[in-house]
């Protein structure tokens, strides 16, 4: 059972208009939960579990905030790549239609 455990770190910048509010946090957590790797998200001295919505909200990341993604596990590289892509795509908020539905 010798699976390769990988450690990956990458800095990302929050670029969506409203930062990490409830909807982007849930998209982040849902995506992170699909991978076989643990992920921590660090903002300065604050480090939280990237698979915990409550902990992610503690980051209070506004537009322009730099975060460090730190992943460990067999899917660490894929996890970090996917999360960085989600952040770069502004959590797909530009494609949302929020008509109260």
PDB file of N, CA and C in Angstrom:
ATOM      1  N   UNK A   1       0.838  -1.191   0.000  1.00  0.00           N
ATOM      2  CA  UNK A   1       0.000   0.000   0.000  1.00  0.00           C
ATOM      3  C   UNK A   1       0.875   1.244   0.000  1.00  0.00           C
ATOM      4  N   UNK A   2       1.842   1.271  -0.870  1.00  0.00           N
ATOM      5  CA  UNK A   2       2.769   2.386  -0.955  1.00  0.00           C
ATOM      6  C   UNK A   2       2.297   3.383  -2.010  1.00  0.00           C
ATOM      7  N   UNK A   3       1.352   4.236  -1.603  1.00  0.00           N
ATOM      8  CA  UNK A   3       0.881   5.267  -2.517  1.00  0.00           C
ATOM      9  C   UNK A   3       1.781   6.478  -2.362  1.00  0.00           C
ATOM     10  N   UNK A   4       2.055   7.133  -3.454  1.00  0.00           N
ATOM     11  CA  UNK A   4       2.926   8.301  -3.411  1.00  0.00           C
ATOM     12  C   UNK A   4       2.175   9.472  -2.801  1.00  0.00           C
ATOM     13  N   UNK A   5       2.694   9.957  -1.697  1.00  0.00           N
ATOM     14  CA  UNK A   5       2.118  11.120  -1.045  1.00  0.00           C
ATOM     15  C   UNK A   5       2.901  12.341  -1.522  1.00  0.00           C
ATOM     16  N   UNK A   6       2.202  13.268  -2.097  1.00  0.00           N
ATOM     17  CA  UNK A   6       2.831  14.447  -2.667  1.00  0.00           C
ATOM     18  C   UNK A   6       2.493  15.672  -1.834  1.00  0.00           C
ATOM     19  N   UNK A   7       3.440  16.594  -1.741  1.00  0.00           N
ATOM     20  CA  UNK A   7       3.238  17.874  -1.052  1.00  0.00           C
ATOM     21  C   UNK A   7       3.345  18.977  -2.102  1.00  0.00           C
ATOM     22  N   UNK A   8       2.299  19.799  -2.203  1.00  0.00           N
ATOM     23  CA  UNK A   8       2.268  20.865  -3.207  1.00  0.00           C
ATOM     24  C   UNK A   8       1.814  22.160  -2.544  1.00  0.00           C
ATOM     25  N   UNK A   9       2.495  23.255  -2.871  1.00  0.00           N
ATOM     26  CA  UNK A   9       2.097  24.579  -2.387  1.00  0.00           C
ATOM     27  C   UNK A   9       1.998  25.527  -3.570  1.00  0.00           C
ATOM     28  N   UNK A  10       1.014  26.413  -3.519  1.00  0.00           N
ATOM     29  CA  UNK A  10       0.876  27.427  -4.573  1.00  0.00           C
ATOM     30  C   UNK A  10       0.196  28.659  -3.992  1.00  0.00           C
ATOM     31  N   UNK A  11       0.702  29.820  -4.373  1.00  0.00           N
ATOM     32  CA  UNK A  11       0.056  31.066  -3.967  1.00  0.00           C
ATOM     33  C   UNK A  11      -0.967  31.454  -5.021  1.00  0.00           C
ATOM     34  N   UNK A  12      -2.131  31.882  -4.555  1.00  0.00           N
ATOM     35  CA  UNK A  12      -3.199  32.342  -5.442  1.00  0.00           C
ATOM     36  C   UNK A  12      -3.703  33.683  -4.923  1.00  0.00           C
ATOM     37  N   UNK A  13      -4.350  34.431  -5.794  1.00  0.00           N
ATOM     38  CA  UNK A  13      -4.927  35.716  -5.413  1.00  0.00           C
ATOM     39  C   UNK A  13      -6.416  35.693  -5.706  1.00  0.00           C
ATOM     40  N   UNK A  14      -7.205  36.091  -4.730  1.00  0.00           N
ATOM     41  CA  UNK A  14      -8.655  36.169  -4.903  1.00  0.00           C
ATOM     42  C   UNK A  14      -8.953  37.348  -5.828  1.00  0.00           C
ATOM     43  N   UNK A  15      -9.654  37.086  -6.941  1.00  0.00           N
ATOM     44  CA  UNK A  15      -9.889  38.143  -7.923  1.00  0.00           C
ATOM     45  C   UNK A  15     -11.370  38.375  -8.220  1.00  0.00           C
ATOM     46  N   UNK A  16     -12.251  37.563  -7.638  1.00  0.00           N
ATOM     47  CA  UNK A  16     -13.669  37.804  -7.892  1.00  0.00           C
ATOM     48  C   UNK A  16     -14.131  39.039  -7.115  1.00  0.00           C
ATOM     49  N   UNK A  17     -15.228  39.635  -7.543  1.00  0.00           N
ATOM     50  CA  UNK A  17     -15.670  40.934  -7.024  1.00  0.00           C
ATOM     51  C   UNK A  17     -15.942  40.964  -5.525  1.00  0.00           C
ATOM     52  N   UNK A  18     -16.507  39.898  -4.976  1.00  0.00           N
ATOM     53  CA  UNK A  18     -16.925  39.922  -3.576  1.00  0.00           C
ATOM     54  C   UNK A  18     -16.055  39.078  -2.653  1.00  0.00           C
ATOM     55  N   UNK A  19     -14.981  38.525  -3.155  1.00  0.00           N
ATOM     56  CA  UNK A  19     -14.104  37.733  -2.304  1.00  0.00           C
ATOM     57  C   UNK A  19     -14.728  36.407  -1.907  1.00  0.00           C
ATOM     58  N   UNK A  20     -14.232  35.856  -0.801  1.00  0.00           N
ATOM     59  CA  UNK A  20     -14.706  34.541  -0.347  1.00  0.00           C
ATOM     60  C   UNK A  20     -15.940  34.687   0.537  1.00  0.00           C
ATOM     61  N   UNK A  21     -17.090  34.790  -0.083  1.00  0.00           N
ATOM     62  CA  UNK A  21     -18.351  34.757   0.652  1.00  0.00           C
ATOM     63  C   UNK A  21     -18.901  33.336   0.548  1.00  0.00           C
ATOM     64  N   UNK A  22     -20.109  33.114   1.005  1.00  0.00           N
ATOM     65  CA  UNK A  22     -20.646  31.753   1.147  1.00  0.00           C
ATOM     66  C   UNK A  22     -20.606  30.925  -0.140  1.00  0.00           C
ATOM     67  N   UNK A  23     -21.045  31.482  -1.257  1.00  0.00           N
ATOM     68  CA  UNK A  23     -21.126  30.690  -2.495  1.00  0.00           C
ATOM     69  C   UNK A  23     -19.749  30.238  -2.986  1.00  0.00           C
ATOM     70  N   UNK A  24     -18.759  31.138  -3.100  1.00  0.00           N
ATOM     71  CA  UNK A  24     -17.437  30.670  -3.528  1.00  0.00           C
ATOM     72  C   UNK A  24     -16.805  29.692  -2.545  1.00  0.00           C
ATOM     73  N   UNK A  25     -17.040  29.897  -1.261  1.00  0.00           N
ATOM     74  CA  UNK A  25     -16.499  28.961  -0.269  1.00  0.00           C
ATOM     75  C   UNK A  25     -17.074  27.571  -0.504  1.00  0.00           C
ATOM     76  N   UNK A  26     -18.369  27.474  -0.743  1.00  0.00           N
ATOM     77  CA  UNK A  26     -18.974  26.159  -0.966  1.00  0.00           C
ATOM     78  C   UNK A  26     -18.456  25.519  -2.255  1.00  0.00           C
ATOM     79  N   UNK A  27     -18.235  26.316  -3.284  1.00  0.00           N
ATOM     80  CA  UNK A  27     -17.676  25.764  -4.525  1.00  0.00           C
ATOM     81  C   UNK A  27     -16.258  25.250  -4.286  1.00  0.00           C
ATOM     82  N   UNK A  28     -15.486  26.003  -3.524  1.00  0.00           N
ATOM     83  CA  UNK A  28     -14.113  25.615  -3.189  1.00  0.00           C
ATOM     84  C   UNK A  28     -14.122  24.297  -2.413  1.00  0.00           C
ATOM     85  N   UNK A  29     -14.939  24.232  -1.361  1.00  0.00           N
ATOM     86  CA  UNK A  29     -14.999  23.044  -0.499  1.00  0.00           C
ATOM     87  C   UNK A  29     -15.520  21.833  -1.273  1.00  0.00           C
ATOM     88  N   UNK A  30     -16.559  22.032  -2.082  1.00  0.00           N
ATOM     89  CA  UNK A  30     -17.104  20.921  -2.874  1.00  0.00           C
ATOM     90  C   UNK A  30     -16.051  20.357  -3.822  1.00  0.00           C
ATOM     91  N   UNK A  31     -15.304  21.243  -4.471  1.00  0.00           N
ATOM     92  CA  UNK A  31     -14.254  20.798  -5.389  1.00  0.00           C
ATOM     93  C   UNK A  31     -13.133  20.100  -4.624  1.00  0.00           C
ATOM     94  N   UNK A  32     -12.688  20.694  -3.531  1.00  0.00           N
ATOM     95  CA  UNK A  32     -11.596  20.114  -2.739  1.00  0.00           C
ATOM     96  C   UNK A  32     -11.954  18.720  -2.234  1.00  0.00           C
ATOM     97  N   UNK A  33     -13.218  18.519  -1.906  1.00  0.00           N
ATOM     98  CA  UNK A  33     -13.661  17.244  -1.340  1.00  0.00           C
ATOM     99  C   UNK A  33     -13.647  16.101  -2.349  1.00  0.00           C
ATOM    100  N   UNK A  34     -13.474  16.415  -3.622  1.00  0.00           N
ATOM    101  CA  UNK A  34     -13.457  15.384  -4.659  1.00  0.00           C
ATOM    102  C   UNK A  34     -12.092  14.712  -4.812  1.00  0.00           C
ATOM    103  N   UNK A  35     -11.088  15.212  -4.083  1.00  0.00           N
ATOM    104  CA  UNK A  35      -9.723  14.719  -4.263  1.00  0.00           C
ATOM    105  C   UNK A  35      -9.222  13.976  -3.031  1.00  0.00           C
ATOM    106  N   UNK A  36      -8.328  13.027  -3.267  1.00  0.00           N
ATOM    107  CA  UNK A  36      -7.718  12.249  -2.198  1.00  0.00           C
ATOM    108  C   UNK A  36      -6.461  12.974  -1.719  1.00  0.00           C
ATOM    109  N   UNK A  37      -6.683  14.098  -1.048  1.00  0.00           N
ATOM    110  CA  UNK A  37      -5.586  14.897  -0.504  1.00  0.00           C
ATOM    111  C   UNK A  37      -6.169  15.866   0.515  1.00  0.00           C
ATOM    112  N   UNK A  38      -5.381  16.168   1.513  1.00  0.00           N
ATOM    113  CA  UNK A  38      -5.762  17.193   2.487  1.00  0.00           C
ATOM    114  C   UNK A  38      -5.305  18.535   1.945  1.00  0.00           C
ATOM    115  N   UNK A  39      -6.056  19.582   2.244  1.00  0.00           N
ATOM    116  CA  UNK A  39      -5.646  20.914   1.795  1.00  0.00           C
ATOM    117  C   UNK A  39      -5.832  21.917   2.930  1.00  0.00           C
ATOM    118  N   UNK A  40      -4.794  22.697   3.143  1.00  0.00           N
ATOM    119  CA  UNK A  40      -4.833  23.811   4.088  1.00  0.00           C
ATOM    120  C   UNK A  40      -4.777  25.076   3.254  1.00  0.00           C
ATOM    121  N   UNK A  41      -5.451  26.106   3.725  1.00  0.00           N
ATOM    122  CA  UNK A  41      -5.421  27.402   3.061  1.00  0.00           C
ATOM    123  C   UNK A  41      -4.905  28.394   4.086  1.00  0.00           C
ATOM    124  N   UNK A  42      -3.867  29.101   3.703  1.00  0.00           N
ATOM    125  CA  UNK A  42      -3.195  29.985   4.650  1.00  0.00           C
ATOM    126  C   UNK A  42      -3.279  31.433   4.179  1.00  0.00           C
ATOM    127  N   UNK A  43      -3.622  32.309   5.136  1.00  0.00           N
ATOM    128  CA  UNK A  43      -3.621  33.758   4.910  1.00  0.00           C
ATOM    129  C   UNK A  43      -2.826  34.353   6.058  1.00  0.00           C
ATOM    130  N   UNK A  44      -1.612  34.756   5.769  1.00  0.00           N
ATOM    131  CA  UNK A  44      -0.748  35.246   6.839  1.00  0.00           C
ATOM    132  C   UNK A  44      -0.494  34.139   7.841  1.00  0.00           C
ATOM    133  N   UNK A  45      -0.824  34.394   9.101  1.00  0.00           N
ATOM    134  CA  UNK A  45      -0.613  33.399  10.158  1.00  0.00           C
ATOM    135  C   UNK A  45      -1.817  32.485  10.358  1.00  0.00           C
ATOM    136  N   UNK A  46      -2.903  32.758   9.652  1.00  0.00           N
ATOM    137  CA  UNK A  46      -4.118  31.948   9.779  1.00  0.00           C
ATOM    138  C   UNK A  46      -4.059  30.802   8.779  1.00  0.00           C
ATOM    139  N   UNK A  47      -4.235  29.574   9.268  1.00  0.00           N
ATOM    140  CA  UNK A  47      -4.246  28.392   8.417  1.00  0.00           C
ATOM    141  C   UNK A  47      -5.505  27.591   8.730  1.00  0.00           C
ATOM    142  N   UNK A  48      -6.291  27.289   7.683  1.00  0.00           N
ATOM    143  CA  UNK A  48      -7.557  26.590   7.890  1.00  0.00           C
ATOM    144  C   UNK A  48      -7.653  25.363   6.987  1.00  0.00           C
ATOM    145  N   UNK A  49      -8.564  24.471   7.343  1.00  0.00           N
ATOM    146  CA  UNK A  49      -8.856  23.280   6.549  1.00  0.00           C
ATOM    147  C   UNK A  49      -9.657  23.695   5.317  1.00  0.00           C
ATOM    148  N   UNK A  50      -9.116  23.459   4.139  1.00  0.00           N
ATOM    149  CA  UNK A  50      -9.777  23.846   2.897  1.00  0.00           C
ATOM    150  C   UNK A  50     -10.999  23.024   2.555  1.00  0.00           C
ATOM    151  N   UNK A  51     -11.296  22.006   3.355  1.00  0.00           N
ATOM    152  CA  UNK A  51     -12.491  21.205   3.129  1.00  0.00           C
ATOM    153  C   UNK A  51     -13.570  21.519   4.164  1.00  0.00           C
ATOM    154  N   UNK A  52     -13.365  22.579   4.956  1.00  0.00           N
ATOM    155  CA  UNK A  52     -14.321  22.992   5.981  1.00  0.00           C
ATOM    156  C   UNK A  52     -14.888  24.370   5.646  1.00  0.00           C
ATOM    157  N   UNK A  53     -16.180  24.450   5.308  1.00  0.00           N
ATOM    158  CA  UNK A  53     -16.762  25.751   4.973  1.00  0.00           C
ATOM    159  C   UNK A  53     -16.636  26.763   6.112  1.00  0.00           C
ATOM    160  N   UNK A  54     -16.862  26.319   7.332  1.00  0.00           N
ATOM    161  CA  UNK A  54     -16.789  27.239   8.474  1.00  0.00           C
ATOM    162  C   UNK A  54     -15.380  27.804   8.632  1.00  0.00           C
ATOM    163  N   UNK A  55     -14.379  26.951   8.508  1.00  0.00           N
ATOM    164  CA  UNK A  55     -13.002  27.422   8.645  1.00  0.00           C
ATOM    165  C   UNK A  55     -12.626  28.342   7.489  1.00  0.00           C
ATOM    166  N   UNK A  56     -13.067  28.018   6.287  1.00  0.00           N
ATOM    167  CA  UNK A  56     -12.754  28.858   5.127  1.00  0.00           C
ATOM    168  C   UNK A  56     -13.315  30.270   5.288  1.00  0.00           C
ATOM    169  N   UNK A  57     -14.486  30.391   5.888  1.00  0.00           N
ATOM    170  CA  UNK A  57     -15.090  31.709   6.099  1.00  0.00           C
ATOM    171  C   UNK A  57     -14.244  32.563   7.043  1.00  0.00           C
ATOM    172  N   UNK A  58     -13.492  31.921   7.938  1.00  0.00           N
ATOM    173  CA  UNK A  58     -12.641  32.654   8.880  1.00  0.00           C
ATOM    174  C   UNK A  58     -11.545  33.454   8.180  1.00  0.00           C
ATOM    175  N   UNK A  59     -11.226  33.097   6.954  1.00  0.00           N
ATOM    176  CA  UNK A  59     -10.164  33.795   6.226  1.00  0.00           C
ATOM    177  C   UNK A  59     -10.551  35.226   5.859  1.00  0.00           C
ATOM    178  N   UNK A  60     -11.856  35.474   5.731  1.00  0.00           N
ATOM    179  CA  UNK A  60     -12.339  36.805   5.346  1.00  0.00           C
ATOM    180  C   UNK A  60     -11.530  37.359   4.175  1.00  0.00           C
ATOM    181  N   UNK A  61     -11.377  36.552   3.139  1.00  0.00           N
ATOM    182  CA  UNK A  61     -10.553  36.923   1.988  1.00  0.00           C
ATOM    183  C   UNK A  61     -11.336  37.823   1.035  1.00  0.00           C
ATOM    184  N   UNK A  62     -10.889  39.054   0.923  1.00  0.00           N
ATOM    185  CA  UNK A  62     -11.494  40.036   0.032  1.00  0.00           C
ATOM    186  C   UNK A  62     -10.734  40.035  -1.299  1.00  0.00           C
ATOM    187  N   UNK A  63     -11.267  40.715  -2.316  1.00  0.00           N
ATOM    188  CA  UNK A  63     -10.539  40.779  -3.584  1.00  0.00           C
ATOM    189  C   UNK A  63      -9.120  41.311  -3.375  1.00  0.00           C
ATOM    190  N   UNK A  64      -8.164  40.651  -3.995  1.00  0.00           N
ATOM    191  CA  UNK A  64      -6.765  41.033  -3.859  1.00  0.00           C
ATOM    192  C   UNK A  64      -6.021  40.275  -2.772  1.00  0.00           C
ATOM    193  N   UNK A  65      -6.745  39.519  -1.954  1.00  0.00           N
ATOM    194  CA  UNK A  65      -6.115  38.743  -0.888  1.00  0.00           C
ATOM    195  C   UNK A  65      -5.293  37.607  -1.483  1.00  0.00           C
ATOM    196  N   UNK A  66      -4.077  37.465  -0.997  1.00  0.00           N
ATOM    197  CA  UNK A  66      -3.216  36.352  -1.419  1.00  0.00           C
ATOM    198  C   UNK A  66      -3.360  35.217  -0.417  1.00  0.00           C
ATOM    199  N   UNK A  67      -3.562  34.023  -0.943  1.00  0.00           N
ATOM    200  CA  UNK A  67      -3.703  32.825  -0.124  1.00  0.00           C
ATOM    201  C   UNK A  67      -2.678  31.798  -0.573  1.00  0.00           C
ATOM    202  N   UNK A  68      -2.233  30.991   0.367  1.00  0.00           N
ATOM    203  CA  UNK A  68      -1.332  29.881   0.064  1.00  0.00           C
ATOM    204  C   UNK A  68      -2.140  28.592   0.151  1.00  0.00           C
ATOM    205  N   UNK A  69      -2.166  27.827  -0.931  1.00  0.00           N
ATOM    206  CA  UNK A  69      -2.794  26.507  -0.935  1.00  0.00           C
ATOM    207  C   UNK A  69      -1.709  25.490  -0.629  1.00  0.00           C
ATOM    208  N   UNK A  70      -1.953  24.641   0.371  1.00  0.00           N
ATOM    209  CA  UNK A  70      -0.975  23.644   0.789  1.00  0.00           C
ATOM    210  C   UNK A  70      -1.680  22.290   0.812  1.00  0.00           C
ATOM    211  N   UNK A  71      -1.299  21.407  -0.087  1.00  0.00           N
ATOM    212  CA  UNK A  71      -1.971  20.113  -0.205  1.00  0.00           C
ATOM    213  C   UNK A  71      -0.995  18.969  -0.001  1.00  0.00           C
ATOM    214  N   UNK A  72      -1.490  17.920   0.640  1.00  0.00           N
ATOM    215  CA  UNK A  72      -0.720  16.702   0.867  1.00  0.00           C
ATOM    216  C   UNK A  72      -1.599  15.501   0.568  1.00  0.00           C
ATOM    217  N   UNK A  73      -1.088  14.590  -0.250  1.00  0.00           N
ATOM    218  CA  UNK A  73      -1.825  13.375  -0.556  1.00  0.00           C
ATOM    219  C   UNK A  73      -1.558  12.929  -1.977  1.00  0.00           C
ATOM    220  N   UNK A  74      -2.171  11.822  -2.354  1.00  0.00           N
ATOM    221  CA  UNK A  74      -1.924  11.261  -3.678  1.00  0.00           C
ATOM    222  C   UNK A  74      -2.425  12.171  -4.795  1.00  0.00           C
ATOM    223  N   UNK A  75      -3.471  12.953  -4.536  1.00  0.00           N
ATOM    224  CA  UNK A  75      -4.034  13.850  -5.549  1.00  0.00           C
ATOM    225  C   UNK A  75      -3.652  15.308  -5.320  1.00  0.00           C
ATOM    226  N   UNK A  76      -2.603  15.563  -4.557  1.00  0.00           N
ATOM    227  CA  UNK A  76      -2.263  16.939  -4.165  1.00  0.00           C
ATOM    228  C   UNK A  76      -2.083  17.866  -5.362  1.00  0.00           C
ATOM    229  N   UNK A  77      -1.344  17.430  -6.371  1.00  0.00           N
ATOM    230  CA  UNK A  77      -1.106  18.301  -7.533  1.00  0.00           C
ATOM    231  C   UNK A  77      -2.403  18.609  -8.267  1.00  0.00           C
ATOM    232  N   UNK A  78      -3.214  17.578  -8.495  1.00  0.00           N
ATOM    233  CA  UNK A  78      -4.485  17.774  -9.187  1.00  0.00           C
ATOM    234  C   UNK A  78      -5.411  18.678  -8.380  1.00  0.00           C
ATOM    235  N   UNK A  79      -5.405  18.503  -7.066  1.00  0.00           N
ATOM    236  CA  UNK A  79      -6.239  19.318  -6.182  1.00  0.00           C
ATOM    237  C   UNK A  79      -5.851  20.785  -6.279  1.00  0.00           C
ATOM    238  N   UNK A  80      -4.569  21.075  -6.145  1.00  0.00           N
ATOM    239  CA  UNK A  80      -4.102  22.461  -6.203  1.00  0.00           C
ATOM    240  C   UNK A  80      -4.375  23.057  -7.585  1.00  0.00           C
ATOM    241  N   UNK A  81      -4.146  22.292  -8.637  1.00  0.00           N
ATOM    242  CA  UNK A  81      -4.423  22.784  -9.992  1.00  0.00           C
ATOM    243  C   UNK A  81      -5.906  23.125 -10.155  1.00  0.00           C
ATOM    244  N   UNK A  82      -6.780  22.248  -9.669  1.00  0.00           N
ATOM    245  CA  UNK A  82      -8.224  22.469  -9.796  1.00  0.00           C
ATOM    246  C   UNK A  82      -8.671  23.689  -8.993  1.00  0.00           C
ATOM    247  N   UNK A  83      -8.177  23.816  -7.760  1.00  0.00           N
ATOM    248  CA  UNK A  83      -8.563  24.961  -6.929  1.00  0.00           C
ATOM    249  C   UNK A  83      -8.033  26.269  -7.504  1.00  0.00           C
ATOM    250  N   UNK A  84      -6.803  26.260  -7.993  1.00  0.00           N
ATOM    251  CA  UNK A  84      -6.237  27.463  -8.609  1.00  0.00           C
ATOM    252  C   UNK A  84      -7.047  27.847  -9.850  1.00  0.00           C
ATOM    253  N   UNK A  85      -7.493  26.856 -10.603  1.00  0.00           N
ATOM    254  CA  UNK A  85      -8.330  27.119 -11.775  1.00  0.00           C
ATOM    255  C   UNK A  85      -9.670  27.718 -11.397  1.00  0.00           C
ATOM    256  N   UNK A  86     -10.273  27.204 -10.332  1.00  0.00           N
ATOM    257  CA  UNK A  86     -11.548  27.737  -9.850  1.00  0.00           C
ATOM    258  C   UNK A  86     -11.393  29.191  -9.421  1.00  0.00           C
ATOM    259  N   UNK A  87     -10.327  29.482  -8.698  1.00  0.00           N
ATOM    260  CA  UNK A  87     -10.073  30.849  -8.242  1.00  0.00           C
ATOM    261  C   UNK A  87      -9.815  31.764  -9.442  1.00  0.00           C
ATOM    262  N   UNK A  88      -9.025  31.300 -10.410  1.00  0.00           N
ATOM    263  CA  UNK A  88      -8.733  32.093 -11.611  1.00  0.00           C
ATOM    264  C   UNK A  88      -9.996  32.362 -12.424  1.00  0.00           C
ATOM    265  N   UNK A  89     -10.953  31.439 -12.360  1.00  0.00           N
ATOM    266  CA  UNK A  89     -12.226  31.599 -13.070  1.00  0.00           C
ATOM    267  C   UNK A  89     -13.224  32.399 -12.243  1.00  0.00           C
ATOM    268  N   UNK A  90     -12.742  33.037 -11.183  1.00  0.00           N
ATOM    269  CA  UNK A  90     -13.579  33.863 -10.295  1.00  0.00           C
ATOM    270  C   UNK A  90     -14.741  33.058  -9.730  1.00  0.00           C
ATOM    271  N   UNK A  91     -14.485  31.782  -9.430  1.00  0.00           N
ATOM    272  CA  UNK A  91     -15.477  30.871  -8.865  1.00  0.00           C
ATOM    273  C   UNK A  91     -16.703  30.746  -9.770  1.00  0.00           C
ATOM    274  N   UNK A  92     -16.524  31.055 -11.055  1.00  0.00           N
ATOM    275  CA  UNK A  92     -17.607  31.004 -12.042  1.00  0.00           C
ATOM    276  C   UNK A  92     -18.772  31.924 -11.687  1.00  0.00           C
ATOM    277  N   UNK A  93     -18.506  32.957 -10.900  1.00  0.00           N
ATOM    278  CA  UNK A  93     -19.576  33.876 -10.490  1.00  0.00           C
ATOM    279  C   UNK A  93     -20.118  34.696 -11.647  1.00  0.00           C
ATOM    280  N   UNK A  94     -19.291  34.969 -12.646  1.00  0.00           N
ATOM    281  CA  UNK A  94     -19.756  35.773 -13.773  1.00  0.00           C
ATOM    282  C   UNK A  94     -20.832  35.057 -14.578  1.00  0.00           C
ATOM    283  N   UNK A  95     -20.896  33.734 -14.451  1.00  0.00           N
ATOM    284  CA  UNK A  95     -21.901  32.967 -15.186  1.00  0.00           C
ATOM    285  C   UNK A  95     -23.144  32.706 -14.352  1.00  0.00           C
ATOM    286  N   UNK A  96     -23.126  33.126 -13.079  1.00  0.00           N
ATOM    287  CA  UNK A  96     -24.291  32.932 -12.211  1.00  0.00           C
ATOM    288  C   UNK A  96     -25.425  33.854 -12.639  1.00  0.00           C
ATOM    289  N   UNK A  97     -26.632  33.344 -12.548  1.00  0.00           N
ATOM    290  CA  UNK A  97     -27.807  34.186 -12.711  1.00  0.00           C
ATOM    291  C   UNK A  97     -28.567  34.093 -11.413  1.00  0.00           C
ATOM    292  N   UNK A  98     -28.498  35.141 -10.641  1.00  0.00           N
ATOM    293  CA  UNK A  98     -29.120  35.142  -9.319  1.00  0.00           C
ATOM    294  C   UNK A  98     -30.422  35.927  -9.378  1.00  0.00           C
ATOM    295  N   UNK A  99     -31.461  35.247  -9.808  1.00  0.00           N
ATOM    296  CA  UNK A  99     -32.770  35.879  -9.919  1.00  0.00           C
ATOM    297  C   UNK A  99     -33.661  35.499  -8.751  1.00  0.00           C
ATOM    298  N   UNK A 100     -33.043  35.092  -7.646  1.00  0.00           N
ATOM    299  CA  UNK A 100     -33.807  34.701  -6.481  1.00  0.00           C
ATOM    300  C   UNK A 100     -34.345  33.297  -6.575  1.00  0.00           C
ATOM    301  N   UNK A 101     -34.005  32.569  -7.620  1.00  0.00           N
ATOM    302  CA  UNK A 101     -34.506  31.199  -7.793  1.00  0.00           C
ATOM    303  C   UNK A 101     -33.651  30.222  -7.043  1.00  0.00           C
TER     304      UNK A 101
END
